[in-house]
Amino acid sequence: MGPGPGGNRSVALRDTLPMAHQYTTNAPDGTSIAWSRTGSGVPVVLVHGITESATSFAPITQRLAATNEVITLDLRGHGESANASTYDLVSMAGDIGAVLTAAGAERPQIVGHSLGGIVATAAGSMLPFAGIVNIDQSLRLESFKAQLVPAESMLRDPEQYQLVVDAMFEMMMGDKLADAEVARVNGLRHADHEVVLGIWDMLLTQPADEIAATVDAALAGYAGNHVPYLALFGIDPGDGYADWLGLRIANSTVEYWADHGHYPHLVDPDRFVDRLRLFWT
């Protein structure tokens, strides 16, 4: 689940966003969630990936704020939000719901990257959105489980888990992301051991068929719901993924930007924002 814990890690870069107003709210289970808003217009919610924070989206936030109200949040255990006792999909989708309520945003667009992609997708099954964009996050989580299991002993070791996380992101970065962006994103990353294990607990502890069933249950709200859904990949999701997704989310489109790696939106932010605006129209 996409290849995070309170504090002041993202304040400096977040303060560079245009006219950003920062708030906190509480998720349904009481977890304190930090969120921000900037710009005006049709609201769009941006949801970051694991070990990152809202600031990871800074180049996209800056571009979208010219035409949209941009709402960002730090998921539980990330950025300035508090750690929690659980990191399951329903709880993290609840983080988004709490922010939408606090912001008074009705049927916004939502864009999620990596972990944020599956959290945004789960939220879209439960909450009303005008459109959903999932950046480089396959929902076939049993395949990600196959990658994690061989490294489970290292992941559970507080002295070694960081090596696994670092190696995973280095492998996924690709060659097109500018060196400055690689340094910026890596500099923002904070891989809290408890949070990472909490998010990946289902993948490490449940058999593949149960994981697949959990995903199907999380997508059940899309039955009869024709909300537009774009899955945009920089890493090939594999043959048959579009058909697999279409059976679960009827109004879905799968798009692959070849060799753009795990951060296609940061490789070419102008192209990405243009693609969002086309998708929204």
Protein backbone atom coordinates (compact mmCIF):
# COMPACT_ATOMS: atom_id res chain seq x y z
CA MET A 1 0.00 0.00 0.00
CA GLY A 2 1.90 2.77 -1.48
CA PRO A 3 5.25 2.83 -0.91
CA GLY A 4 4.99 8.02 8.42
CA PRO A 5 4.15 10.86 12.65
CA GLY A 6 3.46 14.14 14.38
CA GLY A 7 5.80 17.04 14.72
CA ASN A 8 7.02 20.07 12.81
CA ARG A 9 8.65 18.39 9.84
CA SER A 10 6.74 20.01 6.99
CA VAL A 11 6.18 23.55 8.23
CA ALA A 12 9.01 25.31 6.40
CA LEU A 13 8.13 24.14 2.90
CA ARG A 14 4.39 24.33 3.49
CA ASP A 15 4.77 27.98 4.43
CA THR A 16 6.04 28.65 0.87
CA LEU A 17 2.64 27.77 -0.62
CA PRO A 18 0.54 30.76 -1.75
CA MET A 19 -1.75 32.08 1.01
CA ALA A 20 -1.99 28.70 2.75
CA HIS A 21 -4.24 28.67 5.80
CA GLN A 22 -3.53 25.86 8.25
CA TYR A 23 -5.98 24.10 10.55
CA THR A 24 -6.51 20.97 12.58
CA THR A 25 -9.57 18.79 13.01
CA ASN A 26 -10.32 15.45 14.64
CA ALA A 27 -10.97 12.20 12.80
CA PRO A 28 -13.95 10.10 13.98
CA ASP A 29 -11.66 8.18 16.37
CA GLY A 30 -10.29 11.41 17.83
CA THR A 31 -6.95 11.50 15.97
CA SER A 32 -5.80 15.07 15.33
CA ILE A 33 -5.47 15.73 11.58
CA ALA A 34 -3.60 18.74 10.18
CA TRP A 35 -4.94 20.27 6.98
CA SER A 36 -4.51 23.38 4.84
CA ARG A 37 -6.37 25.30 2.19
CA THR A 38 -5.19 27.75 -0.44
CA GLY A 39 -6.57 29.33 -3.60
CA SER A 40 -10.22 29.61 -4.61
CA GLY A 41 -12.58 27.91 -7.01
CA VAL A 42 -13.76 24.33 -7.35
CA PRO A 43 -12.25 22.42 -4.40
CA VAL A 44 -9.70 19.67 -4.93
CA VAL A 45 -8.26 17.50 -2.16
CA LEU A 46 -4.67 16.21 -2.42
CA VAL A 47 -3.66 13.10 -0.44
CA HIS A 48 0.04 12.22 -0.09
CA GLY A 49 1.85 8.89 -0.01
CA ILE A 50 3.32 6.82 2.80
CA THR A 51 6.19 8.41 4.79
CA GLU A 52 5.44 11.78 3.14
CA SER A 53 3.16 14.74 3.90
CA ALA A 54 1.02 17.35 2.19
CA THR A 55 4.16 19.30 1.29
CA SER A 56 5.15 16.55 -1.14
CA PHE A 57 2.46 17.95 -3.44
CA ALA A 58 3.89 21.51 -3.34
CA PRO A 59 4.52 21.88 -7.12
CA ILE A 60 0.98 20.67 -7.85
CA THR A 61 -0.60 22.74 -5.09
CA GLN A 62 1.09 25.89 -6.39
CA ARG A 63 -0.22 25.32 -9.92
CA LEU A 64 -3.75 24.33 -8.96
CA ALA A 65 -4.18 27.22 -6.52
CA ALA A 66 -4.37 29.60 -9.49
CA THR A 67 -7.78 28.16 -10.42
CA ASN A 68 -8.97 25.96 -7.56
CA GLU A 69 -9.36 25.83 -3.82
CA VAL A 70 -6.70 23.29 -2.89
CA ILE A 71 -7.22 21.34 0.32
CA THR A 72 -4.33 19.26 1.59
CA LEU A 73 -3.99 17.11 4.68
CA ASP A 74 -1.45 15.04 6.54
CA LEU A 75 -2.79 11.53 7.02
CA ARG A 76 -2.62 10.11 10.53
CA GLY A 77 0.95 9.34 11.55
CA HIS A 78 2.35 11.74 8.93
CA GLY A 79 3.51 15.35 8.84
CA GLU A 80 1.85 17.39 11.56
CA SER A 81 -0.99 14.95 12.24
CA ALA A 82 -0.98 12.76 15.31
CA ASN A 83 -0.07 9.10 15.48
CA ALA A 84 -2.98 6.72 15.99
CA SER A 85 -3.80 3.26 17.26
CA THR A 86 -4.96 2.05 13.85
CA TYR A 87 -4.01 2.72 10.24
CA ASP A 88 -6.61 0.71 8.34
CA LEU A 89 -8.23 2.07 5.18
CA VAL A 90 -11.53 2.95 6.83
CA SER A 91 -9.77 5.01 9.51
CA MET A 92 -7.61 6.87 7.00
CA ALA A 93 -10.62 7.50 4.76
CA GLY A 94 -12.20 8.93 7.91
CA ASP A 95 -9.32 11.42 8.08
CA ILE A 96 -10.41 12.71 4.67
CA GLY A 97 -14.06 12.82 5.67
CA ALA A 98 -13.23 14.86 8.78
CA VAL A 99 -11.27 17.38 6.70
CA LEU A 100 -14.08 17.69 4.15
CA THR A 101 -16.52 18.44 6.96
CA ALA A 102 -14.20 20.98 8.56
CA ALA A 103 -13.56 22.66 5.19
CA GLY A 104 -17.23 22.65 4.20
CA ALA A 105 -16.22 21.08 0.86
CA GLU A 106 -19.10 19.45 -1.00
CA ARG A 107 -18.35 16.97 -3.83
CA PRO A 108 -14.74 18.08 -4.38
CA GLN A 109 -12.29 16.50 -6.75
CA ILE A 110 -9.75 14.26 -5.00
CA VAL A 111 -6.23 13.26 -6.05
CA GLY A 112 -4.18 10.69 -4.16
CA HIS A 113 -0.64 9.47 -4.70
CA SER A 114 0.67 6.04 -3.67
CA LEU A 115 -0.86 5.24 -0.27
CA GLY A 116 -2.96 8.37 -0.80
CA GLY A 117 -4.28 6.82 -4.00
CA ILE A 118 -5.84 3.85 -2.25
CA VAL A 119 -7.03 6.00 0.67
CA ALA A 120 -8.67 8.41 -1.79
CA THR A 121 -10.20 5.42 -3.58
CA ALA A 122 -11.58 4.03 -0.32
CA ALA A 123 -12.95 7.46 0.57
CA GLY A 124 -14.59 7.67 -2.86
CA SER A 125 -16.49 4.48 -2.06
CA MET A 126 -18.00 6.12 1.02
CA LEU A 127 -18.12 9.87 0.34
CA PRO A 128 -19.40 12.03 -2.57
CA PHE A 129 -16.67 13.25 -4.94
CA ALA A 130 -16.94 14.82 -8.37
CA GLY A 131 -13.96 12.79 -9.59
CA ILE A 132 -11.12 10.65 -8.28
CA VAL A 133 -7.52 10.47 -9.48
CA ASN A 134 -5.18 7.74 -8.23
CA ILE A 135 -1.50 8.31 -9.00
CA ASP A 136 0.62 5.18 -9.37
CA GLN A 137 -1.12 2.97 -6.84
CA SER A 138 -2.32 -0.43 -7.98
CA LEU A 139 -5.32 -1.68 -6.04
CA ARG A 140 -4.24 -5.28 -6.55
CA LEU A 141 -2.53 -5.25 -3.17
CA GLU A 142 -1.80 -8.96 -3.10
CA SER A 143 0.97 -8.30 -5.67
CA PHE A 144 2.53 -5.71 -3.35
CA LYS A 145 2.32 -8.24 -0.53
CA ALA A 146 4.53 -10.55 -2.60
CA GLN A 147 7.18 -7.81 -2.66
CA LEU A 148 7.00 -7.08 1.06
CA VAL A 149 6.95 -10.58 2.53
CA PRO A 150 10.58 -11.46 1.65
CA ALA A 151 11.68 -8.35 3.56
CA GLU A 152 9.34 -8.84 6.54
CA SER A 153 12.04 -9.72 9.06
CA MET A 154 13.99 -6.58 8.16
CA LEU A 155 10.83 -4.46 8.21
CA ARG A 156 10.04 -5.61 11.74
CA ASP A 157 13.58 -4.87 12.92
CA PRO A 158 13.81 -1.26 14.19
CA GLU A 159 17.45 -1.17 13.13
CA GLN A 160 16.86 -2.33 9.56
CA TYR A 161 13.40 -1.27 8.40
CA GLN A 162 14.67 2.08 7.11
CA LEU A 163 16.97 0.23 4.69
CA VAL A 164 13.96 -1.53 3.17
CA VAL A 165 11.95 1.69 2.82
CA ASP A 166 14.88 3.57 1.29
CA ALA A 167 15.63 0.78 -1.18
CA MET A 168 11.99 0.56 -2.21
CA PHE A 169 11.72 4.25 -3.02
CA GLU A 170 15.08 4.33 -4.78
CA MET A 171 13.92 1.49 -7.03
CA MET A 172 10.61 3.22 -7.83
CA MET A 173 11.88 6.76 -8.43
CA GLY A 174 12.80 6.15 -12.07
CA ASP A 175 15.24 8.18 -14.12
CA LYS A 176 13.07 11.13 -15.19
CA LEU A 177 12.50 12.85 -11.87
CA ALA A 178 14.82 15.87 -11.58
CA ASP A 179 17.62 15.55 -9.05
CA ALA A 180 16.30 18.56 -7.14
CA GLU A 181 12.88 16.93 -6.81
CA VAL A 182 14.41 13.63 -5.72
CA ALA A 183 16.31 15.50 -3.02
CA ARG A 184 13.23 17.48 -1.98
CA VAL A 185 10.93 14.46 -1.68
CA ASN A 186 13.56 12.35 0.07
CA GLY A 187 14.27 15.22 2.45
CA LEU A 188 10.60 15.35 3.44
CA ARG A 189 10.29 11.61 4.00
CA HIS A 190 9.88 10.38 7.57
CA ALA A 191 9.45 6.62 7.94
CA ASP A 192 8.19 6.14 11.47
CA HIS A 193 8.55 2.43 12.26
CA GLU A 194 5.26 2.07 14.12
CA VAL A 195 3.33 3.91 11.40
CA VAL A 196 4.85 1.98 8.50
CA LEU A 197 4.15 -1.36 10.18
CA GLY A 198 0.64 -0.21 11.05
CA ILE A 199 -0.17 0.69 7.46
CA TRP A 200 1.36 -2.48 6.05
CA ASP A 201 -0.03 -4.76 8.76
CA MET A 202 -2.75 -6.19 6.51
CA LEU A 203 -0.20 -6.98 3.80
CA LEU A 204 2.18 -8.65 6.22
CA THR A 205 -0.36 -10.65 8.22
CA GLN A 206 -3.27 -11.59 5.94
CA PRO A 207 -3.24 -14.19 3.16
CA ALA A 208 -3.57 -12.90 -0.40
CA ASP A 209 -7.18 -14.01 -0.83
CA GLU A 210 -8.25 -12.12 2.31
CA ILE A 211 -6.43 -9.01 1.11
CA ALA A 212 -8.23 -9.23 -2.23
CA ALA A 213 -11.55 -9.62 -0.40
CA THR A 214 -10.78 -6.58 1.78
CA VAL A 215 -10.06 -4.49 -1.31
CA ASP A 216 -13.27 -5.65 -2.99
CA ALA A 217 -15.22 -4.72 0.14
CA ALA A 218 -13.58 -1.29 0.18
CA LEU A 219 -14.67 -0.76 -3.43
CA ALA A 220 -18.23 -2.00 -2.95
CA GLY A 221 -19.57 1.56 -2.82
CA TYR A 222 -18.69 2.05 -6.49
CA ALA A 223 -21.40 -0.38 -7.59
CA GLY A 224 -23.90 1.72 -9.51
CA ASN A 225 -21.80 4.83 -8.86
CA HIS A 226 -20.52 6.41 -12.06
CA VAL A 227 -18.07 8.88 -10.54
CA PRO A 228 -15.20 9.47 -13.02
CA TYR A 229 -12.03 7.68 -11.89
CA LEU A 230 -8.56 8.07 -13.41
CA ALA A 231 -5.71 5.71 -12.50
CA LEU A 232 -2.52 7.32 -13.79
CA PHE A 233 0.64 5.23 -13.59
CA GLY A 234 4.31 5.98 -14.10
CA ILE A 235 5.13 2.31 -13.45
CA ASP A 236 3.30 -0.20 -15.64
CA PRO A 237 0.48 -1.78 -13.58
CA GLY A 238 0.62 -4.93 -15.69
CA ASP A 239 -1.49 -6.63 -18.33
CA GLY A 240 -5.15 -6.86 -17.55
CA TYR A 241 -5.19 -4.17 -14.86
CA ALA A 242 -7.64 -1.92 -16.74
CA ASP A 243 -10.08 -4.82 -17.11
CA TRP A 244 -9.66 -5.80 -13.45
CA LEU A 245 -10.30 -2.23 -12.31
CA GLY A 246 -13.23 -1.77 -14.68
CA LEU A 247 -15.05 -4.68 -13.08
CA ARG A 248 -14.88 -2.85 -9.73
CA ILE A 249 -15.10 0.81 -10.76
CA ALA A 250 -17.23 1.06 -13.88
CA ASN A 251 -16.32 4.60 -14.94
CA SER A 252 -12.56 4.12 -14.64
CA THR A 253 -9.72 4.97 -17.02
CA VAL A 254 -6.19 3.58 -16.72
CA GLU A 255 -3.37 5.65 -18.21
CA TYR A 256 0.35 4.83 -18.28
CA TRP A 257 3.06 7.44 -18.70
CA ALA A 258 5.89 5.18 -19.71
CA ASP A 259 9.06 5.26 -17.61
CA HIS A 260 7.88 8.14 -15.40
CA GLY A 261 8.40 6.13 -12.21
CA HIS A 262 6.43 6.46 -9.01
CA TYR A 263 6.13 10.27 -9.21
CA PRO A 264 4.75 11.05 -12.69
CA HIS A 265 3.02 14.16 -11.33
CA LEU A 266 6.36 15.57 -10.16
CA VAL A 267 8.30 14.52 -13.26
CA ASP A 268 6.11 16.83 -15.36
CA PRO A 269 3.81 18.89 -13.10
CA ASP A 270 2.54 21.10 -15.93
CA ARG A 271 1.47 18.11 -17.99
CA PHE A 272 -0.07 16.54 -14.92
CA VAL A 273 -2.13 19.61 -14.00
CA ASP A 274 -3.27 19.94 -17.62
CA ARG A 275 -4.34 16.29 -17.48
CA LEU A 276 -6.29 16.93 -14.29
CA ARG A 277 -8.13 19.85 -15.81
CA LEU A 278 -8.99 17.84 -18.91
CA PHE A 279 -10.22 14.99 -16.73
CA TRP A 280 -12.36 17.35 -14.67
CA THR A 281 -14.07 18.71 -17.77
